[in-house]
Structures are given as C-alpha cells and as structure tokens.
PDB file of N, CA and C in Angstrom:
ATOM      1  N   MET A   1     -90.493  17.124 -76.613  1.00  0.00           N
ATOM      2  CA  MET A   1     -90.104  15.807 -76.135  1.00  0.00           C
ATOM      3  C   MET A   1     -89.722  15.866 -74.651  1.00  0.00           C
ATOM      4  N   ARG A   2     -88.966  16.908 -74.290  1.00  0.00           N
ATOM      5  CA  ARG A   2     -88.520  17.029 -72.910  1.00  0.00           C
ATOM      6  C   ARG A   2     -89.694  17.295 -71.972  1.00  0.00           C
ATOM      7  N   LEU A   3     -90.658  18.074 -72.436  1.00  0.00           N
ATOM      8  CA  LEU A   3     -91.828  18.384 -71.635  1.00  0.00           C
ATOM      9  C   LEU A   3     -92.675  17.129 -71.399  1.00  0.00           C
ATOM     10  N   ALA A   4     -92.786  16.292 -72.402  1.00  0.00           N
ATOM     11  CA  ALA A   4     -93.540  15.042 -72.258  1.00  0.00           C
ATOM     12  C   ALA A   4     -92.853  14.116 -71.262  1.00  0.00           C
ATOM     13  N   CYS A   5     -91.548  14.072 -71.282  1.00  0.00           N
ATOM     14  CA  CYS A   5     -90.787  13.242 -70.330  1.00  0.00           C
ATOM     15  C   CYS A   5     -90.964  13.767 -68.908  1.00  0.00           C
ATOM     16  N   LEU A   6     -90.959  15.087 -68.765  1.00  0.00           N
ATOM     17  CA  LEU A   6     -91.145  15.697 -67.458  1.00  0.00           C
ATOM     18  C   LEU A   6     -92.543  15.415 -66.917  1.00  0.00           C
ATOM     19  N   LYS A   7     -93.558  15.516 -67.772  1.00  0.00           N
ATOM     20  CA  LYS A   7     -94.930  15.226 -67.356  1.00  0.00           C
ATOM     21  C   LYS A   7     -95.083  13.763 -66.966  1.00  0.00           C
ATOM     22  N   THR A   8     -94.488  12.880 -67.739  1.00  0.00           N
ATOM     23  CA  THR A   8     -94.564  11.441 -67.445  1.00  0.00           C
ATOM     24  C   THR A   8     -93.879  11.127 -66.125  1.00  0.00           C
ATOM     25  N   SER A   9     -92.742  11.751 -65.883  1.00  0.00           N
ATOM     26  CA  SER A   9     -92.022  11.530 -64.620  1.00  0.00           C
ATOM     27  C   SER A   9     -92.825  12.056 -63.433  1.00  0.00           C
ATOM     28  N   ALA A  10     -93.432  13.211 -63.591  1.00  0.00           N
ATOM     29  CA  ALA A  10     -94.237  13.781 -62.515  1.00  0.00           C
ATOM     30  C   ALA A  10     -95.452  12.904 -62.237  1.00  0.00           C
ATOM     31  N   LEU A  11     -96.094  12.395 -63.284  1.00  0.00           N
ATOM     32  CA  LEU A  11     -97.244  11.511 -63.113  1.00  0.00           C
ATOM     33  C   LEU A  11     -96.835  10.213 -62.415  1.00  0.00           C
ATOM     34  N   ALA A  12     -95.686   9.665 -62.812  1.00  0.00           N
ATOM     35  CA  ALA A  12     -95.195   8.432 -62.181  1.00  0.00           C
ATOM     36  C   ALA A  12     -94.881   8.672 -60.711  1.00  0.00           C
ATOM     37  N   LEU A  13     -94.314   9.816 -60.372  1.00  0.00           N
ATOM     38  CA  LEU A  13     -94.005  10.145 -58.985  1.00  0.00           C
ATOM     39  C   LEU A  13     -95.284  10.295 -58.161  1.00  0.00           C
ATOM     40  N   MET A  14     -96.285  10.972 -58.718  1.00  0.00           N
ATOM     41  CA  MET A  14     -97.548  11.132 -57.990  1.00  0.00           C
ATOM     42  C   MET A  14     -98.248   9.792 -57.796  1.00  0.00           C
ATOM     43  N   LEU A  15     -98.200   8.941 -58.806  1.00  0.00           N
ATOM     44  CA  LEU A  15     -98.805   7.623 -58.690  1.00  0.00           C
ATOM     45  C   LEU A  15     -98.083   6.788 -57.635  1.00  0.00           C
ATOM     46  N   ALA A  16     -96.760   6.858 -57.605  1.00  0.00           N
ATOM     47  CA  ALA A  16     -95.991   6.105 -56.604  1.00  0.00           C
ATOM     48  C   ALA A  16     -96.302   6.597 -55.195  1.00  0.00           C
ATOM     49  N   LEU A  17     -96.420   7.895 -55.003  1.00  0.00           N
ATOM     50  CA  LEU A  17     -96.749   8.433 -53.687  1.00  0.00           C
ATOM     51  C   LEU A  17     -98.165   8.066 -53.274  1.00  0.00           C
ATOM     52  N   ALA A  18     -99.091   8.035 -54.230  1.00  0.00           N
ATOM     53  CA  ALA A  18    -100.470   7.663 -53.916  1.00  0.00           C
ATOM     54  C   ALA A  18    -100.548   6.203 -53.496  1.00  0.00           C
ATOM     55  N   VAL A  19     -99.837   5.346 -54.200  1.00  0.00           N
ATOM     56  CA  VAL A  19     -99.856   3.922 -53.860  1.00  0.00           C
ATOM     57  C   VAL A  19     -99.151   3.681 -52.529  1.00  0.00           C
ATOM     58  N   ALA A  20     -98.095   4.423 -52.258  1.00  0.00           N
ATOM     59  CA  ALA A  20     -97.364   4.252 -51.005  1.00  0.00           C
ATOM     60  C   ALA A  20     -98.210   4.701 -49.821  1.00  0.00           C
ATOM     61  N   GLY A  21     -99.141   5.602 -50.033  1.00  0.00           N
ATOM     62  CA  GLY A  21     -99.989   6.088 -48.954  1.00  0.00           C
ATOM     63  C   GLY A  21    -101.197   5.209 -48.689  1.00  0.00           C
ATOM     64  N   CYS A  22    -101.400   4.182 -49.499  1.00  0.00           N
ATOM     65  CA  CYS A  22    -102.550   3.299 -49.298  1.00  0.00           C
ATOM     66  C   CYS A  22    -102.341   2.445 -48.059  1.00  0.00           C
ATOM     67  N   GLY A  23    -103.417   1.966 -47.513  1.00  0.00           N
ATOM     68  CA  GLY A  23    -103.316   1.093 -46.357  1.00  0.00           C
ATOM     69  C   GLY A  23    -103.959   1.724 -45.148  1.00  0.00           C
ATOM     70  N   ARG A  24    -104.059   0.932 -44.126  1.00  0.00           N
ATOM     71  CA  ARG A  24    -104.695   1.388 -42.898  1.00  0.00           C
ATOM     72  C   ARG A  24    -103.677   1.397 -41.788  1.00  0.00           C
ATOM     73  N   LYS A  25    -103.635   2.446 -41.052  1.00  0.00           N
ATOM     74  CA  LYS A  25    -102.693   2.566 -39.957  1.00  0.00           C
ATOM     75  C   LYS A  25    -103.389   2.152 -38.667  1.00  0.00           C
ATOM     76  N   GLY A  26    -102.722   1.394 -37.848  1.00  0.00           N
ATOM     77  CA  GLY A  26    -103.311   1.023 -36.574  1.00  0.00           C
ATOM     78  C   GLY A  26    -102.880  -0.370 -36.159  1.00  0.00           C
ATOM     79  N   PRO A  27    -103.356  -0.802 -34.995  1.00  0.00           N
ATOM     80  CA  PRO A  27    -102.955  -2.125 -34.506  1.00  0.00           C
ATOM     81  C   PRO A  27    -103.630  -3.233 -35.307  1.00  0.00           C
ATOM     82  N   LEU A  28    -103.057  -4.419 -35.239  1.00  0.00           N
ATOM     83  CA  LEU A  28    -103.635  -5.572 -35.906  1.00  0.00           C
ATOM     84  C   LEU A  28    -104.903  -6.003 -35.187  1.00  0.00           C
ATOM     85  N   GLU A  29    -105.837  -6.528 -35.953  1.00  0.00           N
ATOM     86  CA  GLU A  29    -107.086  -6.991 -35.372  1.00  0.00           C
ATOM     87  C   GLU A  29    -106.974  -8.481 -35.047  1.00  0.00           C
ATOM     88  N   ALA A  30    -107.688  -8.894 -34.007  1.00  0.00           N
ATOM     89  CA  ALA A  30    -107.713 -10.306 -33.644  1.00  0.00           C
ATOM     90  C   ALA A  30    -108.576 -11.070 -34.652  1.00  0.00           C
ATOM     91  N   PRO A  31    -108.304 -12.372 -34.862  1.00  0.00           N
ATOM     92  CA  PRO A  31    -109.132 -13.147 -35.773  1.00  0.00           C
ATOM     93  C   PRO A  31    -110.574 -13.186 -35.279  1.00  0.00           C
ATOM     94  N   SER A  32    -111.521 -13.237 -36.222  1.00  0.00           N
ATOM     95  CA  SER A  32    -112.922 -13.205 -35.838  1.00  0.00           C
ATOM     96  C   SER A  32    -113.398 -14.533 -35.262  1.00  0.00           C
ATOM     97  N   THR A  33    -112.794 -15.648 -35.660  1.00  0.00           N
ATOM     98  CA  THR A  33    -113.186 -16.957 -35.136  1.00  0.00           C
ATOM     99  C   THR A  33    -111.955 -17.698 -34.642  1.00  0.00           C
ATOM    100  N   ALA A  34    -112.186 -18.606 -33.699  1.00  0.00           N
ATOM    101  CA  ALA A  34    -111.089 -19.400 -33.169  1.00  0.00           C
ATOM    102  C   ALA A  34    -110.715 -20.484 -34.182  1.00  0.00           C
ATOM    103  N   VAL A  35    -109.439 -20.781 -34.265  1.00  0.00           N
ATOM    104  CA  VAL A  35    -108.957 -21.814 -35.170  1.00  0.00           C
ATOM    105  C   VAL A  35    -109.133 -23.158 -34.479  1.00  0.00           C
ATOM    106  N   PRO A  36    -109.797 -24.139 -35.116  1.00  0.00           N
ATOM    107  CA  PRO A  36    -109.994 -25.438 -34.467  1.00  0.00           C
ATOM    108  C   PRO A  36    -108.676 -26.192 -34.316  1.00  0.00           C
ATOM    109  N   VAL A  37    -108.541 -26.881 -33.200  1.00  0.00           N
ATOM    110  CA  VAL A  37    -107.330 -27.653 -32.934  1.00  0.00           C
ATOM    111  C   VAL A  37    -107.412 -28.944 -33.724  1.00  0.00           C
ATOM    112  N   SER A  38    -106.351 -29.272 -34.401  1.00  0.00           N
ATOM    113  CA  SER A  38    -106.322 -30.489 -35.203  1.00  0.00           C
ATOM    114  C   SER A  38    -106.292 -31.708 -34.288  1.00  0.00           C
ATOM    115  N   GLU A  39    -107.164 -32.639 -34.562  1.00  0.00           N
ATOM    116  CA  GLU A  39    -107.230 -33.863 -33.759  1.00  0.00           C
ATOM    117  C   GLU A  39    -106.347 -34.953 -34.351  1.00  0.00           C
ATOM    118  N   ALA A  40    -105.698 -34.677 -35.476  1.00  0.00           N
ATOM    119  CA  ALA A  40    -104.894 -35.690 -36.140  1.00  0.00           C
ATOM    120  C   ALA A  40    -103.666 -36.053 -35.309  1.00  0.00           C
ATOM    121  N   VAL A  41    -103.054 -35.096 -34.640  1.00  0.00           N
ATOM    122  CA  VAL A  41    -101.851 -35.361 -33.847  1.00  0.00           C
ATOM    123  C   VAL A  41    -102.184 -35.092 -32.384  1.00  0.00           C
ATOM    124  N   LYS A  42    -102.150 -36.123 -31.608  1.00  0.00           N
ATOM    125  CA  LYS A  42    -102.406 -35.992 -30.179  1.00  0.00           C
ATOM    126  C   LYS A  42    -101.072 -36.030 -29.444  1.00  0.00           C
ATOM    127  N   PRO A  43    -100.984 -35.409 -28.282  1.00  0.00           N
ATOM    128  CA  PRO A  43     -99.713 -35.400 -27.553  1.00  0.00           C
ATOM    129  C   PRO A  43     -99.198 -36.800 -27.234  1.00  0.00           C
ATOM    130  N   GLU A  44    -100.081 -37.749 -26.982  1.00  0.00           N
ATOM    131  CA  GLU A  44     -99.606 -39.092 -26.637  1.00  0.00           C
ATOM    132  C   GLU A  44     -99.137 -39.867 -27.866  1.00  0.00           C
ATOM    133  N   ASP A  45     -99.424 -39.371 -29.071  1.00  0.00           N
ATOM    134  CA  ASP A  45     -98.999 -40.037 -30.290  1.00  0.00           C
ATOM    135  C   ASP A  45     -97.572 -39.668 -30.692  1.00  0.00           C
ATOM    136  N   LYS A  46     -96.970 -38.723 -30.002  1.00  0.00           N
ATOM    137  CA  LYS A  46     -95.630 -38.269 -30.383  1.00  0.00           C
ATOM    138  C   LYS A  46     -94.599 -39.367 -30.152  1.00  0.00           C
ATOM    139  N   VAL A  47     -93.638 -39.447 -31.035  1.00  0.00           N
ATOM    140  CA  VAL A  47     -92.576 -40.429 -30.947  1.00  0.00           C
ATOM    141  C   VAL A  47     -91.455 -39.843 -30.097  1.00  0.00           C
ATOM    142  N   ALA A  48     -90.889 -40.675 -29.241  1.00  0.00           N
ATOM    143  CA  ALA A  48     -89.778 -40.213 -28.404  1.00  0.00           C
ATOM    144  C   ALA A  48     -88.566 -39.955 -29.296  1.00  0.00           C
ATOM    145  N   ILE A  49     -87.992 -38.782 -29.143  1.00  0.00           N
ATOM    146  CA  ILE A  49     -86.836 -38.403 -29.956  1.00  0.00           C
ATOM    147  C   ILE A  49     -85.606 -38.405 -29.066  1.00  0.00           C
ATOM    148  N   THR A  50     -84.599 -39.129 -29.518  1.00  0.00           N
ATOM    149  CA  THR A  50     -83.344 -39.188 -28.789  1.00  0.00           C
ATOM    150  C   THR A  50     -82.439 -38.069 -29.290  1.00  0.00           C
ATOM    151  N   PRO A  51     -81.954 -37.210 -28.402  1.00  0.00           N
ATOM    152  CA  PRO A  51     -81.089 -36.122 -28.866  1.00  0.00           C
ATOM    153  C   PRO A  51     -79.730 -36.655 -29.325  1.00  0.00           C
ATOM    154  N   LEU A  52     -79.177 -36.005 -30.315  1.00  0.00           N
ATOM    155  CA  LEU A  52     -77.864 -36.384 -30.821  1.00  0.00           C
ATOM    156  C   LEU A  52     -76.791 -35.870 -29.870  1.00  0.00           C
ATOM    157  N   PRO A  53     -75.699 -36.600 -29.755  1.00  0.00           N
ATOM    158  CA  PRO A  53     -74.617 -36.104 -28.893  1.00  0.00           C
ATOM    159  C   PRO A  53     -74.010 -34.842 -29.498  1.00  0.00           C
ATOM    160  N   LYS A  54     -73.601 -33.944 -28.618  1.00  0.00           N
ATOM    161  CA  LYS A  54     -73.012 -32.694 -29.080  1.00  0.00           C
ATOM    162  C   LYS A  54     -71.587 -32.931 -29.541  1.00  0.00           C
ATOM    163  N   ARG A  55     -71.258 -32.308 -30.655  1.00  0.00           N
ATOM    164  CA  ARG A  55     -69.893 -32.400 -31.168  1.00  0.00           C
ATOM    165  C   ARG A  55     -69.215 -31.056 -30.951  1.00  0.00           C
ATOM    166  N   SER A  56     -67.986 -31.122 -30.547  1.00  0.00           N
ATOM    167  CA  SER A  56     -67.262 -29.867 -30.360  1.00  0.00           C
ATOM    168  C   SER A  56     -66.735 -29.390 -31.707  1.00  0.00           C
ATOM    169  N   VAL A  57     -67.023 -28.143 -32.008  1.00  0.00           N
ATOM    170  CA  VAL A  57     -66.587 -27.549 -33.261  1.00  0.00           C
ATOM    171  C   VAL A  57     -65.479 -26.566 -32.928  1.00  0.00           C
ATOM    172  N   PRO A  58     -64.346 -26.697 -33.590  1.00  0.00           N
ATOM    173  CA  PRO A  58     -63.264 -25.756 -33.299  1.00  0.00           C
ATOM    174  C   PRO A  58     -63.666 -24.336 -33.703  1.00  0.00           C
ATOM    175  N   ALA A  59     -63.301 -23.395 -32.865  1.00  0.00           N
ATOM    176  CA  ALA A  59     -63.636 -21.997 -33.133  1.00  0.00           C
ATOM    177  C   ALA A  59     -62.801 -21.477 -34.297  1.00  0.00           C
ATOM    178  N   ALA A  60     -63.417 -20.661 -35.114  1.00  0.00           N
ATOM    179  CA  ALA A  60     -62.712 -20.077 -36.251  1.00  0.00           C
ATOM    180  C   ALA A  60     -61.743 -19.011 -35.740  1.00  0.00           C
ATOM    181  N   PRO A  61     -60.572 -18.950 -36.317  1.00  0.00           N
ATOM    182  CA  PRO A  61     -59.618 -17.919 -35.876  1.00  0.00           C
ATOM    183  C   PRO A  61     -60.138 -16.531 -36.232  1.00  0.00           C
ATOM    184  N   GLN A  62     -59.873 -15.573 -35.351  1.00  0.00           N
ATOM    185  CA  GLN A  62     -60.304 -14.201 -35.569  1.00  0.00           C
ATOM    186  C   GLN A  62     -59.506 -13.594 -36.724  1.00  0.00           C
ATOM    187  N   GLN A  63     -60.208 -12.977 -37.639  1.00  0.00           N
ATOM    188  CA  GLN A  63     -59.552 -12.321 -38.757  1.00  0.00           C
ATOM    189  C   GLN A  63     -59.604 -10.825 -38.536  1.00  0.00           C
ATOM    190  N   GLU A  64     -58.495 -10.201 -38.743  1.00  0.00           N
ATOM    191  CA  GLU A  64     -58.451  -8.755 -38.590  1.00  0.00           C
ATOM    192  C   GLU A  64     -58.812  -8.103 -39.914  1.00  0.00           C
ATOM    193  N   VAL A  65     -59.817  -7.247 -39.860  1.00  0.00           N
ATOM    194  CA  VAL A  65     -60.266  -6.551 -41.052  1.00  0.00           C
ATOM    195  C   VAL A  65     -59.683  -5.143 -41.020  1.00  0.00           C
ATOM    196  N   PRO A  66     -58.978  -4.766 -42.072  1.00  0.00           N
ATOM    197  CA  PRO A  66     -58.423  -3.409 -42.067  1.00  0.00           C
ATOM    198  C   PRO A  66     -59.540  -2.381 -42.155  1.00  0.00           C
ATOM    199  N   LYS A  67     -59.388  -1.299 -41.409  1.00  0.00           N
ATOM    200  CA  LYS A  67     -60.395  -0.242 -41.373  1.00  0.00           C
ATOM    201  C   LYS A  67     -60.196   0.660 -42.582  1.00  0.00           C
ATOM    202  N   LYS A  68     -61.147   0.556 -43.541  1.00  0.00           N
ATOM    203  CA  LYS A  68     -61.095   1.412 -44.715  1.00  0.00           C
ATOM    204  C   LYS A  68     -62.282   2.372 -44.646  1.00  0.00           C
ATOM    205  N   PRO A  69     -62.058   3.637 -44.817  1.00  0.00           N
ATOM    206  CA  PRO A  69     -63.172   4.582 -44.760  1.00  0.00           C
ATOM    207  C   PRO A  69     -64.065   4.413 -46.012  1.00  0.00           C
ATOM    208  N   PHE A  70     -65.373   4.579 -45.790  1.00  0.00           N
ATOM    209  CA  PHE A  70     -66.352   4.527 -46.850  1.00  0.00           C
ATOM    210  C   PHE A  70     -66.729   5.952 -47.206  1.00  0.00           C
ATOM    211  N   PHE A  71     -66.994   6.222 -48.475  1.00  0.00           N
ATOM    212  CA  PHE A  71     -67.196   7.601 -48.888  1.00  0.00           C
ATOM    213  C   PHE A  71     -68.483   8.222 -48.327  1.00  0.00           C
ATOM    214  N   LEU A  72     -69.416   7.421 -47.764  1.00  0.00           N
ATOM    215  CA  LEU A  72     -70.621   7.973 -47.162  1.00  0.00           C
ATOM    216  C   LEU A  72     -70.583   7.946 -45.630  1.00  0.00           C
ATOM    217  N   ASP A  73     -69.411   7.754 -45.052  1.00  0.00           N
ATOM    218  CA  ASP A  73     -69.289   7.699 -43.580  1.00  0.00           C
ATOM    219  C   ASP A  73     -69.720   9.003 -42.919  1.00  0.00           C
ATOM    220  N   PHE A  74     -69.592  10.108 -43.579  1.00  0.00           N
ATOM    221  CA  PHE A  74     -69.950  11.380 -42.953  1.00  0.00           C
ATOM    222  C   PHE A  74     -71.455  11.463 -42.673  1.00  0.00           C
ATOM    223  N   LEU A  75     -72.278  10.640 -43.324  1.00  0.00           N
ATOM    224  CA  LEU A  75     -73.715  10.650 -43.075  1.00  0.00           C
ATOM    225  C   LEU A  75     -74.063   9.975 -41.753  1.00  0.00           C
ATOM    226  N   LEU A  76     -73.200   9.105 -41.288  1.00  0.00           N
ATOM    227  CA  LEU A  76     -73.465   8.405 -40.029  1.00  0.00           C
ATOM    228  C   LEU A  76     -73.066   9.296 -38.900  1.00  0.00           C
TER     229      LEU A  76
END
C-alpha cells in the first residue's frame, strides 16, 4: 500500500513539473492584423461632462501597530 502511494505521488509530481514546463519563452508577438477603429463613437459625438466639485475628506488618524515578531522573520 505504501509503495503504491509513493509511486502515485512521484507520478503526480512528474506530471506537475511537466505541465509547469509547458509554454513558450520569449517576447510577445504583435497582432497579425490591425484592429479596425469603431465608427460608432466619433469624437464630436461625446457629451460634455461637468466635473463634480471636490469634497474634503478628513484624514484618518494614524494607528500605531505593535511590532510583533513573526516566526518566519529569519527567512527575510
């Protein structure tokens, strides 16, 4: 039973590494054809947008966070 579990785990690991290695390395390719510009919206058809007045938002008070060590800090 233990040997079958070990074989299954090894097979799963090899399959995961094979799938992770798939793909092509290199820069992205440019599109083969130009994308047509939509004629539905023309620049002169745009509606004038009035900006909203800015509201002042009170700043949140600074909170002091106690420095607690994390058990994996030695890795950093």
